[in-house]
Amino acid sequence: MNDYFLELLNEFPTRQNNILDLVITNNLDKITINEILKPSEWEIFTHHSAIMFELKVAFNPLTRTKRFVFDCQRANFEHFRVHLQTLNLEEEIHEFSNIDQDWMNWKNALFAAVTEFVPVKNAVTEFIPVKNAKGRKFLPWMNNTILHLTKKKTR
């Protein structure tokens, strides 16, 4: 541990007379050991004592980024299907070209069609209806019915 500038903070036995559970740090100012709890004190079946320590850290939360989410409920699927039937996506793939470039061409042609017929949530433009998308953990396809069924299955 000395080779990596680490220090062991707890020198109390945590399993009979042995030090098995460790608190190791390279910054002594950030960690403080409060107490060692015997297994009988915290009502969990184990042979190890619990080390209660305090970790003093500061962090900056992730900033929410603006993102675009397709609003499929307001999509014009009839015109989208007609447009896809007239769009020849095979033209985007060439026999002797780079597969990565073919993929980008195909994907760009498909997304150009999608953005034409499917409105976007959180768009900056004024003519598209704006809807607030929630944070990163929100999944737009998860509605109350699906959440209820998921909880029911878990129970």
N, C-alpha and C. Protein backbone atom coordinates (compact mmCIF):
# COMPACT_ATOMS: atom_id res chain seq x y z
N MET A 1 0.82 -1.19 0.00
CA MET A 1 0.00 0.00 0.00
C MET A 1 0.86 1.25 0.00
N ASN A 2 2.01 1.19 0.65
CA ASN A 2 2.89 2.35 0.67
C ASN A 2 3.41 2.69 -0.72
N ASP A 3 3.59 1.68 -1.57
CA ASP A 3 4.05 1.92 -2.94
C ASP A 3 3.06 2.78 -3.72
N TYR A 4 1.79 2.70 -3.37
CA TYR A 4 0.74 3.45 -4.07
C TYR A 4 0.19 4.60 -3.22
N PHE A 5 0.91 4.95 -2.15
CA PHE A 5 0.56 6.07 -1.28
C PHE A 5 -0.83 5.91 -0.66
N LEU A 6 -1.16 4.69 -0.27
CA LEU A 6 -2.44 4.40 0.37
C LEU A 6 -2.22 4.14 1.85
N GLU A 7 -3.24 4.45 2.64
CA GLU A 7 -3.15 4.22 4.08
C GLU A 7 -4.38 3.48 4.57
N LEU A 8 -4.17 2.59 5.51
CA LEU A 8 -5.25 1.84 6.15
C LEU A 8 -5.74 2.65 7.35
N LEU A 9 -7.05 2.93 7.39
CA LEU A 9 -7.58 3.75 8.47
C LEU A 9 -8.03 2.95 9.67
N ASN A 10 -8.59 1.78 9.44
CA ASN A 10 -9.08 1.02 10.59
C ASN A 10 -8.03 0.00 11.02
N GLU A 11 -7.73 0.03 12.29
CA GLU A 11 -6.80 -0.93 12.85
C GLU A 11 -7.47 -1.73 13.96
N PHE A 12 -8.80 -1.84 13.83
CA PHE A 12 -9.59 -2.58 14.80
C PHE A 12 -9.99 -3.90 14.19
N PRO A 13 -10.01 -4.97 14.96
CA PRO A 13 -10.44 -6.26 14.41
C PRO A 13 -11.93 -6.23 14.04
N THR A 14 -12.25 -6.77 12.87
CA THR A 14 -13.64 -6.80 12.42
C THR A 14 -14.19 -8.23 12.35
N ARG A 15 -13.34 -9.22 12.53
CA ARG A 15 -13.77 -10.62 12.57
C ARG A 15 -12.92 -11.30 13.61
N GLN A 16 -13.47 -11.53 14.78
CA GLN A 16 -12.76 -12.06 15.94
C GLN A 16 -11.54 -11.17 16.22
N ASN A 17 -10.31 -11.70 16.11
CA ASN A 17 -9.12 -10.89 16.37
C ASN A 17 -8.42 -10.44 15.09
N ASN A 18 -9.08 -10.58 13.94
CA ASN A 18 -8.47 -10.29 12.65
C ASN A 18 -9.05 -9.01 12.03
N ILE A 19 -8.20 -8.29 11.33
CA ILE A 19 -8.65 -7.12 10.58
C ILE A 19 -8.91 -7.60 9.15
N LEU A 20 -10.19 -7.88 8.84
CA LEU A 20 -10.54 -8.37 7.51
C LEU A 20 -11.20 -7.29 6.65
N ASP A 21 -11.99 -6.42 7.24
CA ASP A 21 -12.69 -5.37 6.51
C ASP A 21 -11.86 -4.11 6.59
N LEU A 22 -11.55 -3.54 5.44
CA LEU A 22 -10.58 -2.45 5.37
C LEU A 22 -11.20 -1.15 4.88
N VAL A 23 -10.70 -0.05 5.39
CA VAL A 23 -10.98 1.27 4.85
C VAL A 23 -9.62 1.83 4.44
N ILE A 24 -9.41 1.95 3.12
CA ILE A 24 -8.12 2.38 2.59
C ILE A 24 -8.35 3.66 1.81
N THR A 25 -7.42 4.62 1.96
CA THR A 25 -7.57 5.90 1.27
C THR A 25 -6.21 6.47 0.91
N ASN A 26 -6.22 7.41 -0.02
CA ASN A 26 -5.01 8.18 -0.32
C ASN A 26 -5.20 9.63 0.11
N ASN A 27 -6.34 9.92 0.76
CA ASN A 27 -6.62 11.28 1.22
C ASN A 27 -7.24 11.20 2.62
N LEU A 28 -6.43 11.38 3.63
CA LEU A 28 -6.87 11.22 5.01
C LEU A 28 -7.88 12.27 5.43
N ASP A 29 -7.88 13.41 4.78
CA ASP A 29 -8.81 14.49 5.16
C ASP A 29 -10.25 14.20 4.76
N LYS A 30 -10.48 13.28 3.85
CA LYS A 30 -11.82 13.05 3.31
C LYS A 30 -12.59 11.94 4.03
N ILE A 31 -11.91 11.10 4.80
CA ILE A 31 -12.58 9.97 5.44
C ILE A 31 -12.34 9.99 6.93
N THR A 32 -13.44 9.78 7.68
CA THR A 32 -13.36 9.69 9.13
C THR A 32 -14.12 8.46 9.58
N ILE A 33 -13.48 7.61 10.37
CA ILE A 33 -14.16 6.44 10.92
C ILE A 33 -14.92 6.87 12.16
N ASN A 34 -16.24 6.61 12.15
CA ASN A 34 -17.08 7.01 13.28
C ASN A 34 -17.11 5.95 14.36
N GLU A 35 -17.40 4.71 13.97
CA GLU A 35 -17.46 3.64 14.97
C GLU A 35 -17.42 2.28 14.29
N ILE A 36 -17.16 1.27 15.11
CA ILE A 36 -17.20 -0.12 14.67
C ILE A 36 -18.37 -0.78 15.38
N LEU A 37 -19.31 -1.30 14.62
CA LEU A 37 -20.50 -1.94 15.21
C LEU A 37 -20.33 -3.44 15.22
N LYS A 38 -20.56 -4.03 16.37
CA LYS A 38 -20.51 -5.49 16.49
C LYS A 38 -21.75 -6.08 15.81
N PRO A 39 -21.67 -7.33 15.32
CA PRO A 39 -22.82 -7.93 14.62
C PRO A 39 -24.10 -7.95 15.46
N SER A 40 -23.98 -8.11 16.75
CA SER A 40 -25.16 -8.15 17.60
C SER A 40 -25.85 -6.78 17.68
N GLU A 41 -25.12 -5.70 17.40
CA GLU A 41 -25.67 -4.35 17.50
C GLU A 41 -26.51 -3.96 16.29
N TRP A 42 -26.25 -4.55 15.13
CA TRP A 42 -26.99 -4.12 13.95
C TRP A 42 -27.91 -5.18 13.40
N GLU A 43 -28.16 -6.24 14.13
CA GLU A 43 -29.20 -7.23 13.89
C GLU A 43 -29.18 -7.84 12.49
N ILE A 44 -27.99 -8.13 12.00
CA ILE A 44 -27.85 -8.86 10.74
C ILE A 44 -26.94 -10.04 11.02
N PHE A 45 -27.30 -11.20 10.48
CA PHE A 45 -26.51 -12.40 10.73
C PHE A 45 -25.23 -12.35 9.92
N THR A 46 -24.14 -12.08 10.61
CA THR A 46 -22.82 -12.09 10.01
C THR A 46 -21.80 -12.23 11.13
N HIS A 47 -20.61 -12.60 10.77
CA HIS A 47 -19.54 -12.72 11.76
C HIS A 47 -18.62 -11.50 11.74
N HIS A 48 -18.88 -10.57 10.82
CA HIS A 48 -18.03 -9.39 10.66
C HIS A 48 -18.65 -8.19 11.36
N SER A 49 -17.80 -7.35 11.91
CA SER A 49 -18.25 -6.08 12.46
C SER A 49 -18.40 -5.09 11.31
N ALA A 50 -19.28 -4.10 11.48
CA ALA A 50 -19.50 -3.08 10.46
C ALA A 50 -18.67 -1.86 10.79
N ILE A 51 -18.03 -1.30 9.79
CA ILE A 51 -17.24 -0.09 9.96
C ILE A 51 -18.10 1.07 9.48
N MET A 52 -18.43 1.97 10.37
CA MET A 52 -19.20 3.17 10.03
C MET A 52 -18.21 4.30 9.81
N PHE A 53 -18.16 4.82 8.59
CA PHE A 53 -17.25 5.92 8.31
C PHE A 53 -17.95 6.99 7.50
N GLU A 54 -17.38 8.17 7.54
CA GLU A 54 -17.95 9.32 6.85
C GLU A 54 -17.00 9.70 5.71
N LEU A 55 -17.58 9.88 4.56
CA LEU A 55 -16.81 10.26 3.38
C LEU A 55 -17.22 11.66 2.97
N LYS A 56 -16.29 12.59 3.00
CA LYS A 56 -16.58 13.99 2.68
C LYS A 56 -16.16 14.27 1.24
N VAL A 57 -17.15 14.38 0.38
CA VAL A 57 -16.86 14.67 -1.03
C VAL A 57 -17.83 15.72 -1.54
N ALA A 58 -17.43 16.40 -2.55
CA ALA A 58 -18.30 17.36 -3.24
C ALA A 58 -18.32 16.96 -4.71
N PHE A 59 -19.46 17.11 -5.33
CA PHE A 59 -19.55 16.78 -6.75
C PHE A 59 -20.48 17.76 -7.43
N ASN A 60 -20.29 17.89 -8.69
CA ASN A 60 -21.17 18.71 -9.50
C ASN A 60 -22.14 17.78 -10.22
N PRO A 61 -23.44 18.01 -10.06
CA PRO A 61 -24.40 17.15 -10.74
C PRO A 61 -24.30 17.33 -12.25
N LEU A 62 -24.68 16.29 -12.97
CA LEU A 62 -24.66 16.37 -14.42
C LEU A 62 -25.64 17.43 -14.90
N THR A 63 -25.21 18.20 -15.85
CA THR A 63 -26.13 19.18 -16.42
C THR A 63 -27.05 18.48 -17.40
N ARG A 64 -28.29 18.89 -17.41
CA ARG A 64 -29.24 18.30 -18.34
C ARG A 64 -28.99 18.88 -19.72
N THR A 65 -28.80 18.00 -20.64
CA THR A 65 -28.55 18.43 -22.01
C THR A 65 -29.87 18.47 -22.76
N LYS A 66 -29.96 19.39 -23.70
CA LYS A 66 -31.14 19.42 -24.56
C LYS A 66 -31.05 18.23 -25.49
N ARG A 67 -32.12 17.52 -25.59
CA ARG A 67 -32.13 16.37 -26.48
C ARG A 67 -33.43 16.34 -27.25
N PHE A 68 -33.40 15.69 -28.36
CA PHE A 68 -34.56 15.60 -29.22
C PHE A 68 -35.16 14.21 -29.11
N VAL A 69 -36.46 14.17 -28.92
CA VAL A 69 -37.18 12.90 -28.80
C VAL A 69 -38.31 12.94 -29.80
N PHE A 70 -38.42 11.90 -30.60
CA PHE A 70 -39.50 11.84 -31.58
C PHE A 70 -40.84 11.64 -30.86
N ASP A 71 -41.83 12.43 -31.25
CA ASP A 71 -43.17 12.38 -30.67
C ASP A 71 -44.04 11.51 -31.58
N CYS A 72 -44.01 10.21 -31.36
CA CYS A 72 -44.70 9.26 -32.24
C CYS A 72 -46.21 9.38 -32.16
N GLN A 73 -46.73 9.93 -31.09
CA GLN A 73 -48.19 10.09 -30.98
C GLN A 73 -48.72 11.10 -31.98
N ARG A 74 -47.91 12.05 -32.38
CA ARG A 74 -48.34 13.07 -33.34
C ARG A 74 -47.80 12.83 -34.74
N ALA A 75 -47.22 11.66 -34.99
CA ALA A 75 -46.62 11.37 -36.29
C ALA A 75 -47.71 11.15 -37.35
N ASN A 76 -47.36 11.47 -38.57
CA ASN A 76 -48.25 11.23 -39.71
C ASN A 76 -47.76 9.96 -40.40
N PHE A 77 -48.23 8.80 -39.90
CA PHE A 77 -47.70 7.53 -40.39
C PHE A 77 -48.18 7.19 -41.79
N GLU A 78 -49.35 7.66 -42.19
CA GLU A 78 -49.83 7.37 -43.54
C GLU A 78 -48.89 7.98 -44.58
N HIS A 79 -48.58 9.26 -44.44
CA HIS A 79 -47.66 9.91 -45.37
C HIS A 79 -46.24 9.36 -45.23
N PHE A 80 -45.87 8.98 -44.02
CA PHE A 80 -44.54 8.41 -43.79
C PHE A 80 -44.39 7.08 -44.55
N ARG A 81 -45.41 6.22 -44.50
CA ARG A 81 -45.36 4.94 -45.24
C ARG A 81 -45.27 5.17 -46.74
N VAL A 82 -46.07 6.10 -47.24
CA VAL A 82 -46.04 6.40 -48.67
C VAL A 82 -44.65 6.91 -49.07
N HIS A 83 -44.10 7.80 -48.25
CA HIS A 83 -42.78 8.34 -48.54
C HIS A 83 -41.72 7.24 -48.53
N LEU A 84 -41.79 6.32 -47.56
CA LEU A 84 -40.81 5.23 -47.51
C LEU A 84 -40.93 4.30 -48.71
N GLN A 85 -42.15 4.12 -49.21
CA GLN A 85 -42.32 3.26 -50.39
C GLN A 85 -41.70 3.91 -51.63
N THR A 86 -41.76 5.23 -51.71
CA THR A 86 -41.16 5.91 -52.86
C THR A 86 -39.65 6.10 -52.68
N LEU A 87 -39.19 6.09 -51.45
CA LEU A 87 -37.76 6.26 -51.17
C LEU A 87 -37.04 4.95 -51.46
N ASN A 88 -36.04 5.00 -52.29
CA ASN A 88 -35.29 3.79 -52.63
C ASN A 88 -34.01 3.77 -51.78
N LEU A 89 -34.08 3.08 -50.67
CA LEU A 89 -32.93 3.03 -49.76
C LEU A 89 -31.79 2.18 -50.31
N GLU A 90 -32.10 1.32 -51.30
CA GLU A 90 -31.03 0.52 -51.90
C GLU A 90 -30.05 1.38 -52.68
N GLU A 91 -30.49 2.56 -53.13
CA GLU A 91 -29.59 3.47 -53.85
C GLU A 91 -28.49 4.00 -52.94
N GLU A 92 -28.70 3.95 -51.65
CA GLU A 92 -27.72 4.46 -50.70
C GLU A 92 -26.57 3.49 -50.47
N ILE A 93 -26.72 2.26 -50.97
CA ILE A 93 -25.69 1.24 -50.79
C ILE A 93 -25.02 0.99 -52.14
N HIS A 94 -23.72 1.09 -52.16
CA HIS A 94 -22.95 0.91 -53.41
C HIS A 94 -22.11 -0.34 -53.29
N GLU A 95 -21.91 -1.00 -54.41
CA GLU A 95 -21.28 -2.33 -54.41
C GLU A 95 -19.84 -2.30 -53.91
N PHE A 96 -19.04 -1.35 -54.37
CA PHE A 96 -17.61 -1.36 -54.04
C PHE A 96 -17.22 -0.19 -53.14
N SER A 97 -18.11 0.26 -52.29
CA SER A 97 -17.78 1.40 -51.43
C SER A 97 -17.56 0.94 -49.98
N ASN A 98 -17.22 1.88 -49.17
CA ASN A 98 -16.95 1.63 -47.76
C ASN A 98 -18.28 1.34 -47.04
N ILE A 99 -18.32 0.28 -46.25
CA ILE A 99 -19.56 -0.10 -45.56
C ILE A 99 -19.99 0.97 -44.56
N ASP A 100 -19.02 1.65 -43.92
CA ASP A 100 -19.36 2.70 -42.97
C ASP A 100 -20.04 3.88 -43.67
N GLN A 101 -19.53 4.23 -44.85
CA GLN A 101 -20.14 5.32 -45.60
C GLN A 101 -21.53 4.93 -46.09
N ASP A 102 -21.69 3.67 -46.54
CA ASP A 102 -23.01 3.19 -46.96
C ASP A 102 -24.00 3.26 -45.81
N TRP A 103 -23.56 2.86 -44.61
CA TRP A 103 -24.45 2.90 -43.45
C TRP A 103 -24.85 4.33 -43.14
N MET A 104 -23.91 5.26 -43.16
CA MET A 104 -24.23 6.66 -42.87
C MET A 104 -25.21 7.22 -43.90
N ASN A 105 -25.02 6.90 -45.18
CA ASN A 105 -25.93 7.38 -46.23
C ASN A 105 -27.33 6.82 -46.01
N TRP A 106 -27.42 5.53 -45.72
CA TRP A 106 -28.72 4.87 -45.52
C TRP A 106 -29.42 5.46 -44.29
N LYS A 107 -28.66 5.60 -43.20
CA LYS A 107 -29.22 6.13 -41.96
C LYS A 107 -29.67 7.57 -42.14
N ASN A 108 -28.88 8.38 -42.81
CA ASN A 108 -29.26 9.78 -43.03
C ASN A 108 -30.52 9.90 -43.87
N ALA A 109 -30.65 9.05 -44.90
CA ALA A 109 -31.85 9.08 -45.74
C ALA A 109 -33.08 8.67 -44.92
N LEU A 110 -32.94 7.66 -44.09
CA LEU A 110 -34.06 7.20 -43.27
C LEU A 110 -34.45 8.27 -42.24
N PHE A 111 -33.46 8.85 -41.55
CA PHE A 111 -33.78 9.86 -40.54
C PHE A 111 -34.31 11.15 -41.15
N ALA A 112 -33.92 11.45 -42.37
CA ALA A 112 -34.48 12.62 -43.04
C ALA A 112 -35.98 12.40 -43.25
N ALA A 113 -36.35 11.16 -43.61
CA ALA A 113 -37.77 10.84 -43.78
C ALA A 113 -38.48 10.87 -42.43
N VAL A 114 -37.86 10.36 -41.39
CA VAL A 114 -38.48 10.34 -40.06
C VAL A 114 -38.71 11.77 -39.57
N THR A 115 -37.70 12.63 -39.69
CA THR A 115 -37.84 13.99 -39.19
C THR A 115 -38.86 14.80 -39.99
N GLU A 116 -39.14 14.37 -41.21
CA GLU A 116 -40.14 15.07 -42.02
C GLU A 116 -41.56 14.78 -41.54
N PHE A 117 -41.82 13.55 -41.05
CA PHE A 117 -43.18 13.15 -40.73
C PHE A 117 -43.44 12.90 -39.24
N VAL A 118 -42.39 12.91 -38.42
CA VAL A 118 -42.56 12.69 -36.98
C VAL A 118 -42.07 13.94 -36.25
N PRO A 119 -42.95 14.64 -35.53
CA PRO A 119 -42.51 15.84 -34.80
C PRO A 119 -41.52 15.49 -33.70
N VAL A 120 -40.80 16.50 -33.26
CA VAL A 120 -39.75 16.32 -32.26
C VAL A 120 -40.14 17.05 -30.99
N LYS A 121 -39.91 16.41 -29.84
CA LYS A 121 -40.11 17.06 -28.54
C LYS A 121 -38.86 17.84 -28.21
N ASN A 122 -39.01 18.94 -27.48
CA ASN A 122 -37.91 19.82 -27.07
C ASN A 122 -37.20 20.47 -28.25
N ALA A 123 -37.91 20.68 -29.33
CA ALA A 123 -37.30 21.33 -30.49
C ALA A 123 -37.17 22.81 -30.23
N VAL A 124 -36.16 23.41 -30.79
CA VAL A 124 -35.94 24.83 -30.62
C VAL A 124 -36.82 25.63 -31.58
N THR A 125 -37.16 25.02 -32.70
CA THR A 125 -37.96 25.73 -33.70
C THR A 125 -39.36 25.98 -33.18
N GLU A 126 -40.00 27.02 -33.66
CA GLU A 126 -41.29 27.44 -33.14
C GLU A 126 -42.47 26.70 -33.76
N PHE A 127 -42.33 26.22 -34.99
CA PHE A 127 -43.49 25.64 -35.65
C PHE A 127 -43.76 24.19 -35.25
N ILE A 128 -42.84 23.55 -34.56
CA ILE A 128 -43.06 22.19 -34.09
C ILE A 128 -43.58 22.27 -32.66
N PRO A 129 -44.67 21.55 -32.33
CA PRO A 129 -45.16 21.62 -30.95
C PRO A 129 -44.09 21.17 -29.96
N VAL A 130 -43.81 22.01 -28.97
CA VAL A 130 -42.74 21.72 -28.00
C VAL A 130 -43.33 20.97 -26.83
N LYS A 131 -42.68 19.91 -26.43
CA LYS A 131 -43.06 19.14 -25.27
C LYS A 131 -41.80 18.93 -24.44
N ASN A 132 -41.90 19.07 -23.14
CA ASN A 132 -40.73 18.88 -22.29
C ASN A 132 -40.43 17.41 -22.13
N ALA A 133 -39.20 17.03 -22.46
CA ALA A 133 -38.75 15.67 -22.21
C ALA A 133 -38.13 15.66 -20.82
N LYS A 134 -38.33 14.59 -20.08
CA LYS A 134 -37.80 14.52 -18.72
C LYS A 134 -36.33 14.16 -18.77
N GLY A 135 -35.73 13.95 -17.60
CA GLY A 135 -34.30 13.68 -17.49
C GLY A 135 -33.88 12.42 -18.19
N ARG A 136 -32.62 12.08 -18.05
CA ARG A 136 -32.04 10.94 -18.75
C ARG A 136 -32.68 9.61 -18.36
N LYS A 137 -33.18 9.51 -17.14
CA LYS A 137 -33.72 8.24 -16.69
C LYS A 137 -35.14 7.98 -17.20
N PHE A 138 -35.77 8.99 -17.78
CA PHE A 138 -37.13 8.85 -18.26
C PHE A 138 -37.13 8.14 -19.60
N LEU A 139 -37.96 7.14 -19.73
CA LEU A 139 -38.12 6.42 -20.98
C LEU A 139 -39.47 6.78 -21.57
N PRO A 140 -39.51 7.41 -22.75
CA PRO A 140 -40.78 7.92 -23.27
C PRO A 140 -41.83 6.85 -23.51
N TRP A 141 -41.43 5.59 -23.72
CA TRP A 141 -42.42 4.54 -23.98
C TRP A 141 -42.97 3.93 -22.69
N MET A 142 -42.42 4.33 -21.53
CA MET A 142 -42.90 3.80 -20.26
C MET A 142 -44.06 4.66 -19.77
N ASN A 143 -45.27 4.17 -19.90
CA ASN A 143 -46.42 4.92 -19.41
C ASN A 143 -46.92 4.27 -18.11
N ASN A 144 -47.97 4.82 -17.53
CA ASN A 144 -48.45 4.34 -16.24
C ASN A 144 -48.90 2.88 -16.30
N THR A 145 -49.50 2.48 -17.42
CA THR A 145 -49.96 1.09 -17.54
C THR A 145 -48.78 0.12 -17.50
N ILE A 146 -47.74 0.44 -18.26
CA ILE A 146 -46.56 -0.44 -18.30
C ILE A 146 -45.88 -0.47 -16.93
N LEU A 147 -45.78 0.69 -16.27
CA LEU A 147 -45.17 0.71 -14.94
C LEU A 147 -45.99 -0.11 -13.95
N HIS A 148 -47.32 -0.02 -14.03
CA HIS A 148 -48.19 -0.79 -13.14
C HIS A 148 -48.00 -2.29 -13.38
N LEU A 149 -47.96 -2.70 -14.65
CA LEU A 149 -47.78 -4.11 -14.95
C LEU A 149 -46.41 -4.61 -14.53
N THR A 150 -45.40 -3.77 -14.65
CA THR A 150 -44.05 -4.15 -14.22
C THR A 150 -44.01 -4.36 -12.72
N LYS A 151 -44.63 -3.44 -11.97
CA LYS A 151 -44.65 -3.60 -10.52
C LYS A 151 -45.45 -4.84 -10.12
N LYS A 152 -46.56 -5.10 -10.85
CA LYS A 152 -47.38 -6.27 -10.57
C LYS A 152 -46.59 -7.56 -10.80
N LYS A 153 -45.84 -7.60 -11.87
CA LYS A 153 -45.01 -8.78 -12.18
C LYS A 153 -43.95 -8.98 -11.10
N THR A 154 -43.35 -7.87 -10.65
CA THR A 154 -42.32 -7.97 -9.63
C THR A 154 -42.89 -8.51 -8.32
N ARG A 155 -44.12 -8.02 -7.96
CA ARG A 155 -44.75 -8.51 -6.74
C ARG A 155 -45.07 -9.97 -6.87
